[in-house]
N, C-alpha and C. Protein backbone atom coordinates (compact mmCIF):
# COMPACT_ATOMS: atom_id res chain seq x y z
N UNK A 1 123.43 62.43 65.77
CA UNK A 1 124.23 62.31 66.98
C UNK A 1 124.84 60.91 67.02
N UNK A 2 126.13 60.86 67.36
CA UNK A 2 126.84 59.58 67.44
C UNK A 2 126.41 58.81 68.67
N UNK A 3 126.55 57.49 68.57
CA UNK A 3 126.28 56.65 69.72
C UNK A 3 127.42 56.78 70.72
N UNK A 4 127.16 56.45 72.00
CA UNK A 4 128.26 56.47 72.97
C UNK A 4 129.36 55.50 72.56
N UNK A 5 130.57 55.83 72.93
CA UNK A 5 131.73 55.02 72.57
C UNK A 5 131.70 53.69 73.31
N UNK A 6 132.35 52.73 72.70
CA UNK A 6 132.51 51.43 73.35
C UNK A 6 133.86 51.43 74.06
N UNK A 7 133.87 50.99 75.30
CA UNK A 7 135.10 50.95 76.09
C UNK A 7 135.54 49.50 76.23
N UNK A 8 136.80 49.24 75.91
CA UNK A 8 137.33 47.88 76.08
C UNK A 8 137.41 47.54 77.56
N UNK A 9 137.14 46.32 77.94
CA UNK A 9 137.11 45.94 79.36
C UNK A 9 138.50 45.67 79.94
N UNK A 10 139.30 46.70 80.10
CA UNK A 10 140.62 46.54 80.71
C UNK A 10 140.49 46.29 82.21
N UNK A 11 139.50 46.96 82.83
CA UNK A 11 139.28 46.82 84.27
C UNK A 11 137.84 46.41 84.52
N UNK A 12 137.61 45.69 85.64
CA UNK A 12 136.23 45.39 86.03
C UNK A 12 135.58 46.69 86.50
N UNK A 13 134.26 46.63 86.71
CA UNK A 13 133.56 47.84 87.10
C UNK A 13 134.02 48.36 88.47
N UNK A 14 134.25 47.45 89.41
CA UNK A 14 134.74 47.86 90.74
C UNK A 14 136.14 48.45 90.64
N UNK A 15 137.00 47.79 89.87
CA UNK A 15 138.36 48.30 89.70
C UNK A 15 138.36 49.66 89.01
N UNK A 16 137.45 49.82 88.08
CA UNK A 16 137.34 51.09 87.36
C UNK A 16 136.92 52.21 88.32
N UNK A 17 135.98 51.93 89.21
CA UNK A 17 135.56 52.93 90.20
C UNK A 17 136.73 53.31 91.11
N UNK A 18 137.45 52.31 91.59
CA UNK A 18 138.61 52.57 92.46
C UNK A 18 139.68 53.36 91.71
N UNK A 19 139.89 53.03 90.45
CA UNK A 19 140.88 53.71 89.62
C UNK A 19 140.54 55.20 89.46
N UNK A 20 139.25 55.50 89.28
CA UNK A 20 138.83 56.89 89.13
C UNK A 20 139.06 57.64 90.44
N UNK A 21 138.78 57.01 91.57
CA UNK A 21 138.95 57.68 92.87
C UNK A 21 140.42 57.94 93.21
N UNK A 22 141.33 57.19 92.63
CA UNK A 22 142.76 57.32 92.96
C UNK A 22 143.47 58.41 92.15
N UNK A 23 142.73 59.18 91.38
CA UNK A 23 143.34 60.23 90.56
C UNK A 23 144.07 61.23 91.45
N UNK A 24 145.25 61.66 91.02
CA UNK A 24 146.09 62.56 91.80
C UNK A 24 145.84 64.04 91.50
N UNK A 25 145.30 64.36 90.34
CA UNK A 25 145.08 65.76 89.98
C UNK A 25 143.72 65.90 89.31
N UNK A 26 143.31 67.14 89.15
CA UNK A 26 142.03 67.43 88.52
C UNK A 26 142.00 66.94 87.06
N UNK A 27 143.11 67.19 86.34
CA UNK A 27 143.16 66.77 84.94
C UNK A 27 143.10 65.25 84.81
N UNK A 28 143.82 64.57 85.70
CA UNK A 28 143.81 63.11 85.69
C UNK A 28 142.41 62.59 86.02
N UNK A 29 141.74 63.25 86.97
CA UNK A 29 140.38 62.86 87.34
C UNK A 29 139.43 63.01 86.16
N UNK A 30 139.55 64.10 85.42
CA UNK A 30 138.68 64.31 84.26
C UNK A 30 138.87 63.21 83.22
N UNK A 31 140.11 62.82 82.97
CA UNK A 31 140.36 61.77 81.99
C UNK A 31 139.75 60.45 82.45
N UNK A 32 139.94 60.13 83.72
CA UNK A 32 139.41 58.88 84.25
C UNK A 32 137.89 58.91 84.34
N UNK A 33 137.33 60.06 84.73
CA UNK A 33 135.87 60.19 84.82
C UNK A 33 135.23 60.06 83.45
N UNK A 34 135.93 60.50 82.42
CA UNK A 34 135.42 60.34 81.06
C UNK A 34 135.19 58.87 80.75
N UNK A 35 136.15 58.04 81.10
CA UNK A 35 136.02 56.60 80.85
C UNK A 35 134.88 56.03 81.69
N UNK A 36 134.83 56.43 82.96
CA UNK A 36 133.78 55.92 83.85
C UNK A 36 132.39 56.31 83.35
N UNK A 37 132.22 57.56 82.93
CA UNK A 37 130.91 58.02 82.46
C UNK A 37 130.52 57.33 81.16
N UNK A 38 131.47 57.01 80.33
CA UNK A 38 131.18 56.31 79.08
C UNK A 38 130.71 54.89 79.37
N UNK A 39 131.32 54.26 80.38
CA UNK A 39 130.94 52.90 80.76
C UNK A 39 129.62 52.90 81.52
N UNK A 40 129.49 53.74 82.53
CA UNK A 40 128.34 53.70 83.44
C UNK A 40 127.09 54.30 82.83
N UNK A 41 127.22 55.34 82.02
CA UNK A 41 126.07 56.06 81.49
C UNK A 41 125.17 55.23 80.60
N UNK A 42 125.52 54.85 79.49
CA UNK A 42 126.60 55.41 78.67
C UNK A 42 126.18 56.76 78.10
N UNK A 43 126.99 57.75 78.34
CA UNK A 43 126.75 59.10 77.84
C UNK A 43 127.47 59.29 76.52
N UNK A 44 126.90 60.06 75.60
CA UNK A 44 127.64 60.39 74.37
C UNK A 44 128.75 61.41 74.68
N UNK A 45 129.68 61.54 73.77
CA UNK A 45 130.87 62.37 73.98
C UNK A 45 130.52 63.83 74.24
N UNK A 46 129.55 64.37 73.53
CA UNK A 46 129.23 65.79 73.73
C UNK A 46 128.64 66.04 75.12
N UNK A 47 127.90 65.07 75.66
CA UNK A 47 127.32 65.22 77.01
C UNK A 47 128.43 65.17 78.07
N UNK A 48 129.36 64.23 77.92
CA UNK A 48 130.49 64.13 78.85
C UNK A 48 131.33 65.40 78.79
N UNK A 49 131.55 65.90 77.59
CA UNK A 49 132.33 67.12 77.42
C UNK A 49 131.68 68.30 78.14
N UNK A 50 130.36 68.42 78.04
CA UNK A 50 129.66 69.49 78.74
C UNK A 50 129.73 69.33 80.26
N UNK A 51 129.60 68.11 80.75
CA UNK A 51 129.62 67.87 82.19
C UNK A 51 131.00 68.12 82.80
N UNK A 52 132.06 67.74 82.08
CA UNK A 52 133.42 67.87 82.60
C UNK A 52 134.12 69.15 82.15
N UNK A 53 133.44 69.95 81.35
CA UNK A 53 133.96 71.21 80.82
C UNK A 53 135.27 70.98 80.07
N UNK A 54 135.23 70.07 79.13
CA UNK A 54 136.34 69.81 78.22
C UNK A 54 135.78 69.77 76.81
N UNK A 55 136.61 69.65 75.82
CA UNK A 55 136.13 69.59 74.45
C UNK A 55 135.71 68.17 74.08
N UNK A 56 134.86 68.09 73.10
CA UNK A 56 134.39 66.78 72.63
C UNK A 56 135.56 65.99 72.03
N UNK A 57 136.49 66.69 71.37
CA UNK A 57 137.65 66.03 70.80
C UNK A 57 138.51 65.40 71.89
N UNK A 58 138.62 66.07 73.04
CA UNK A 58 139.40 65.52 74.15
C UNK A 58 138.77 64.23 74.65
N UNK A 59 137.45 64.21 74.72
CA UNK A 59 136.76 62.99 75.17
C UNK A 59 137.06 61.84 74.23
N UNK A 60 136.97 62.08 72.93
CA UNK A 60 137.24 61.01 71.96
C UNK A 60 138.70 60.58 72.01
N UNK A 61 139.60 61.55 72.21
CA UNK A 61 141.02 61.23 72.32
C UNK A 61 141.28 60.32 73.52
N UNK A 62 140.72 60.67 74.69
CA UNK A 62 140.94 59.88 75.90
C UNK A 62 140.33 58.49 75.80
N UNK A 63 139.16 58.40 75.19
CA UNK A 63 138.53 57.08 75.01
C UNK A 63 139.39 56.23 74.08
N UNK A 64 139.90 56.82 73.02
CA UNK A 64 140.77 56.08 72.10
C UNK A 64 142.06 55.64 72.76
N UNK A 65 142.66 56.51 73.56
CA UNK A 65 143.90 56.15 74.26
C UNK A 65 143.64 55.01 75.25
N UNK A 66 142.52 55.09 75.96
CA UNK A 66 142.19 54.03 76.93
C UNK A 66 141.93 52.71 76.21
N UNK A 67 141.22 52.76 75.11
CA UNK A 67 140.93 51.53 74.38
C UNK A 67 142.19 50.89 73.80
N UNK A 68 143.13 51.71 73.34
CA UNK A 68 144.35 51.17 72.74
C UNK A 68 145.33 50.66 73.79
N UNK A 69 145.56 51.46 74.84
CA UNK A 69 146.65 51.16 75.77
C UNK A 69 146.21 50.82 77.19
N UNK A 70 144.93 50.86 77.46
CA UNK A 70 144.44 50.58 78.80
C UNK A 70 144.61 51.78 79.72
N UNK A 71 144.55 51.56 81.03
CA UNK A 71 144.65 52.68 81.97
C UNK A 71 145.96 53.47 81.85
N UNK A 72 147.03 52.81 81.46
CA UNK A 72 148.30 53.52 81.30
C UNK A 72 148.29 54.47 80.10
N UNK A 73 147.37 54.28 79.20
CA UNK A 73 147.28 55.14 78.02
C UNK A 73 146.87 56.56 78.34
N UNK A 74 146.27 56.76 79.51
CA UNK A 74 145.83 58.11 79.88
C UNK A 74 146.88 58.87 80.67
N UNK A 75 148.02 58.26 80.94
CA UNK A 75 149.10 58.99 81.61
C UNK A 75 149.69 59.98 80.64
N UNK A 76 149.77 61.22 81.07
CA UNK A 76 150.27 62.26 80.19
C UNK A 76 151.68 62.65 80.62
N UNK A 77 152.57 62.69 79.67
CA UNK A 77 153.94 63.09 79.97
C UNK A 77 154.22 64.49 79.43
N UNK A 78 153.37 64.99 78.59
CA UNK A 78 153.59 66.32 78.03
C UNK A 78 154.67 66.29 76.96
N UNK A 79 154.75 67.35 76.22
CA UNK A 79 155.73 67.39 75.15
C UNK A 79 157.11 67.80 75.67
N UNK A 80 157.13 68.58 76.72
CA UNK A 80 158.42 68.96 77.28
C UNK A 80 159.12 70.00 76.44
N UNK A 81 160.25 70.46 76.93
CA UNK A 81 161.01 71.50 76.24
C UNK A 81 162.27 70.95 75.61
N UNK A 82 163.13 71.84 75.19
CA UNK A 82 164.44 71.53 74.61
C UNK A 82 164.35 70.64 73.37
N UNK A 83 163.32 70.79 72.58
CA UNK A 83 163.22 69.99 71.37
C UNK A 83 164.17 70.51 70.29
N UNK A 84 164.57 71.78 70.40
CA UNK A 84 165.45 72.35 69.39
C UNK A 84 166.84 72.63 69.93
N UNK A 85 167.23 71.99 70.98
CA UNK A 85 168.53 72.24 71.59
C UNK A 85 169.63 71.49 70.84
N UNK A 86 170.78 72.12 70.74
CA UNK A 86 171.94 71.44 70.15
C UNK A 86 172.49 70.39 71.10
N UNK A 87 172.54 70.75 72.39
CA UNK A 87 173.14 69.87 73.39
C UNK A 87 172.08 69.42 74.39
N UNK A 88 172.22 68.20 74.87
CA UNK A 88 171.34 67.76 75.96
C UNK A 88 171.81 68.45 77.24
N UNK A 89 171.03 68.33 78.29
CA UNK A 89 171.40 68.97 79.55
C UNK A 89 172.71 68.40 80.09
N UNK A 90 172.90 67.09 79.96
CA UNK A 90 174.14 66.49 80.46
C UNK A 90 175.34 66.96 79.65
N UNK A 91 175.18 67.05 78.32
CA UNK A 91 176.27 67.53 77.48
C UNK A 91 176.61 68.98 77.82
N UNK A 92 175.57 69.79 78.07
CA UNK A 92 175.81 71.19 78.40
C UNK A 92 176.51 71.33 79.75
N UNK A 93 176.14 70.49 80.72
CA UNK A 93 176.80 70.55 82.03
C UNK A 93 178.26 70.09 81.93
N UNK A 94 178.52 69.08 81.11
CA UNK A 94 179.90 68.63 80.90
C UNK A 94 180.72 69.75 80.26
N UNK A 95 180.17 70.39 79.26
CA UNK A 95 180.84 71.50 78.60
C UNK A 95 181.06 72.65 79.58
N UNK A 96 180.10 72.88 80.43
CA UNK A 96 180.21 73.94 81.44
C UNK A 96 181.38 73.65 82.39
N UNK A 97 181.51 72.40 82.83
CA UNK A 97 182.63 72.05 83.72
C UNK A 97 183.97 72.26 83.03
N UNK A 98 184.06 71.84 81.76
CA UNK A 98 185.31 72.02 81.01
C UNK A 98 185.68 73.50 80.87
N UNK A 99 184.69 74.33 80.57
CA UNK A 99 184.94 75.76 80.39
C UNK A 99 185.36 76.39 81.71
N UNK A 100 184.69 76.00 82.79
CA UNK A 100 185.04 76.58 84.09
C UNK A 100 186.44 76.19 84.54
N UNK A 101 186.85 74.96 84.28
CA UNK A 101 188.22 74.58 84.64
C UNK A 101 189.24 75.32 83.77
N UNK A 102 188.92 75.49 82.50
CA UNK A 102 189.81 76.26 81.62
C UNK A 102 189.86 77.72 82.04
N UNK A 103 188.72 78.27 82.48
CA UNK A 103 188.67 79.67 82.90
C UNK A 103 189.49 79.87 84.17
N UNK A 104 189.51 78.90 85.06
CA UNK A 104 190.30 79.01 86.28
C UNK A 104 191.80 79.01 85.96
N UNK A 105 192.16 78.36 84.86
CA UNK A 105 193.56 78.36 84.44
C UNK A 105 193.90 79.58 83.60
N UNK A 106 192.91 80.44 83.35
CA UNK A 106 193.15 81.65 82.56
C UNK A 106 192.99 81.44 81.08
N UNK A 107 192.38 80.36 80.66
CA UNK A 107 192.21 80.06 79.23
C UNK A 107 190.73 80.03 78.85
N UNK A 108 189.97 81.03 79.27
CA UNK A 108 188.55 81.06 78.97
C UNK A 108 188.33 81.14 77.47
N UNK A 109 187.49 80.29 76.91
CA UNK A 109 187.30 80.29 75.46
C UNK A 109 186.43 81.45 75.01
N UNK A 110 186.64 81.87 73.78
CA UNK A 110 185.80 82.89 73.18
C UNK A 110 184.55 82.21 72.62
N UNK A 111 183.64 83.02 72.15
CA UNK A 111 182.41 82.47 71.58
C UNK A 111 182.72 81.62 70.34
N UNK A 112 183.68 82.05 69.52
CA UNK A 112 184.05 81.27 68.33
C UNK A 112 184.63 79.91 68.71
N UNK A 113 185.48 79.89 69.74
CA UNK A 113 186.04 78.62 70.18
C UNK A 113 184.96 77.70 70.73
N UNK A 114 184.03 78.30 71.45
CA UNK A 114 182.92 77.52 71.99
C UNK A 114 182.04 76.97 70.85
N UNK A 115 181.85 77.78 69.83
CA UNK A 115 181.08 77.35 68.67
C UNK A 115 181.75 76.13 68.02
N UNK A 116 183.07 76.15 67.89
CA UNK A 116 183.80 75.01 67.32
C UNK A 116 183.69 73.78 68.20
N UNK A 117 183.72 73.98 69.53
CA UNK A 117 183.61 72.86 70.45
C UNK A 117 182.24 72.19 70.35
N UNK A 118 181.20 73.01 70.24
CA UNK A 118 179.85 72.46 70.09
C UNK A 118 179.74 71.70 68.77
N UNK A 119 180.39 72.23 67.72
CA UNK A 119 180.38 71.53 66.44
C UNK A 119 181.05 70.16 66.54
N UNK A 120 182.17 70.09 67.27
CA UNK A 120 182.86 68.80 67.44
C UNK A 120 181.99 67.79 68.18
N UNK A 121 181.18 68.28 69.11
CA UNK A 121 180.32 67.39 69.89
C UNK A 121 179.11 66.93 69.09
N UNK A 122 178.47 67.85 68.38
CA UNK A 122 177.19 67.54 67.74
C UNK A 122 177.24 67.36 66.24
N UNK A 123 178.32 67.80 65.60
CA UNK A 123 178.44 67.79 64.13
C UNK A 123 177.40 68.67 63.47
N UNK A 124 176.91 69.67 64.22
CA UNK A 124 176.01 70.69 63.68
C UNK A 124 176.62 72.03 63.99
N UNK A 125 176.58 72.94 63.04
CA UNK A 125 177.19 74.25 63.24
C UNK A 125 176.17 75.18 63.90
N UNK A 126 176.41 75.54 65.16
CA UNK A 126 175.49 76.47 65.81
C UNK A 126 175.82 77.90 65.42
N UNK A 127 174.87 78.78 65.57
CA UNK A 127 175.12 80.19 65.26
C UNK A 127 175.98 80.81 66.36
N UNK A 128 176.57 81.94 66.05
CA UNK A 128 177.40 82.63 67.03
C UNK A 128 176.55 83.14 68.18
N UNK A 129 175.31 83.50 67.88
CA UNK A 129 174.43 83.96 68.96
C UNK A 129 174.13 82.82 69.94
N UNK A 130 174.06 81.58 69.43
CA UNK A 130 173.90 80.43 70.32
C UNK A 130 175.10 80.33 71.26
N UNK A 131 176.29 80.52 70.72
CA UNK A 131 177.51 80.43 71.54
C UNK A 131 177.52 81.52 72.61
N UNK A 132 177.08 82.74 72.26
CA UNK A 132 177.03 83.81 73.26
C UNK A 132 175.98 83.51 74.33
N UNK A 133 174.83 83.00 73.92
CA UNK A 133 173.80 82.65 74.92
C UNK A 133 174.29 81.53 75.82
N UNK A 134 175.01 80.56 75.25
CA UNK A 134 175.57 79.46 76.05
C UNK A 134 176.61 80.00 77.04
N UNK A 135 177.47 80.89 76.58
CA UNK A 135 178.43 81.52 77.49
C UNK A 135 177.72 82.29 78.60
N UNK A 136 176.64 82.96 78.24
CA UNK A 136 175.89 83.71 79.24
C UNK A 136 175.30 82.76 80.28
N UNK A 137 174.78 81.62 79.85
CA UNK A 137 174.23 80.64 80.80
C UNK A 137 175.33 80.06 81.67
N UNK A 138 176.49 79.84 81.09
CA UNK A 138 177.55 79.17 81.82
C UNK A 138 178.26 80.09 82.79
N UNK A 139 178.66 81.25 82.34
CA UNK A 139 179.45 82.09 83.24
C UNK A 139 179.04 83.55 83.25
N UNK A 140 177.94 83.88 82.65
CA UNK A 140 177.47 85.25 82.70
C UNK A 140 178.34 86.23 81.95
N UNK A 141 179.00 85.78 80.87
CA UNK A 141 179.92 86.63 80.14
C UNK A 141 179.13 87.66 79.33
N UNK A 142 179.61 88.85 79.35
CA UNK A 142 179.03 89.91 78.55
C UNK A 142 180.02 90.26 77.44
N UNK A 143 179.50 90.72 76.34
CA UNK A 143 180.36 91.11 75.23
C UNK A 143 181.14 92.34 75.63
N UNK A 144 182.45 92.28 75.50
CA UNK A 144 183.32 93.37 75.94
C UNK A 144 183.74 94.27 74.80
N UNK A 145 184.66 95.16 75.11
CA UNK A 145 185.19 96.09 74.13
C UNK A 145 186.10 95.33 73.17
N UNK A 146 186.01 95.66 71.90
CA UNK A 146 186.85 94.99 70.92
C UNK A 146 188.27 95.54 70.97
N UNK A 147 189.22 94.72 70.54
CA UNK A 147 190.63 95.11 70.61
C UNK A 147 190.91 96.32 69.75
N UNK A 148 190.33 96.43 68.57
CA UNK A 148 190.63 97.55 67.68
C UNK A 148 190.00 98.86 68.15
N UNK A 149 189.33 98.86 69.29
CA UNK A 149 188.74 100.07 69.85
C UNK A 149 189.51 100.55 71.08
N UNK A 150 190.80 100.28 71.12
CA UNK A 150 191.61 100.63 72.29
C UNK A 150 191.58 102.13 72.60
N UNK A 151 191.44 102.95 71.59
CA UNK A 151 191.46 104.40 71.85
C UNK A 151 190.27 104.83 72.69
N UNK A 152 189.21 104.02 72.74
CA UNK A 152 188.03 104.36 73.53
C UNK A 152 188.14 103.91 74.99
N UNK A 153 189.17 103.12 75.30
CA UNK A 153 189.34 102.64 76.68
C UNK A 153 189.91 103.75 77.56
N UNK A 154 189.62 103.73 78.86
CA UNK A 154 190.25 104.71 79.75
C UNK A 154 191.76 104.48 79.80
N UNK A 155 192.51 105.53 80.15
CA UNK A 155 193.98 105.47 80.15
C UNK A 155 194.52 104.41 81.09
N UNK A 156 193.81 104.13 82.19
CA UNK A 156 194.32 103.19 83.18
C UNK A 156 194.33 101.77 82.66
N UNK A 157 193.47 101.43 81.71
CA UNK A 157 193.40 100.06 81.22
C UNK A 157 194.19 99.84 79.95
N UNK A 158 194.68 100.92 79.35
CA UNK A 158 195.48 100.75 78.11
C UNK A 158 196.82 100.15 78.45
N UNK A 159 197.24 99.24 77.60
CA UNK A 159 198.57 98.64 77.77
C UNK A 159 199.50 99.19 76.70
N UNK A 160 200.70 99.32 77.07
CA UNK A 160 201.66 99.80 76.08
C UNK A 160 202.10 98.61 75.23
N UNK A 161 202.26 98.79 73.93
CA UNK A 161 202.70 97.69 73.08
C UNK A 161 204.12 97.31 73.40
N UNK A 162 204.34 96.04 73.68
CA UNK A 162 205.67 95.57 74.06
C UNK A 162 206.16 94.58 73.05
């Protein structure tokens, strides 16, 4: 069995107690209590893990983060989403505004045109399905009838060739 971890003295014992009490959520409290129990006990990692109902690896991770970065090291930001996005949210909103103004003028872009526009912005070629999904997010466009299928359209919508 390993010995209890050593905690660097970033905070005094009183400050450490106050810091643990100021936790805003259950997860934050568990991380802070891990540090407190390691200092006050000192309990080994497997004992703290059993008491707080977390894994032993999590205890070692939190102790290491606290020792390296101090109390700020336990702040979790999460991984977040949009790691595989072509455009950032601001770029997508800017593109959305441009498309909507063009659509109001009657020049709504097709998926291929949108694909080229995204390429000009990012220098990465997105798939056509990405362009359709982007159009769907922006204006709710659905794929319509193709031009070469005019014979399948109702008579009222057919145009005479001029």
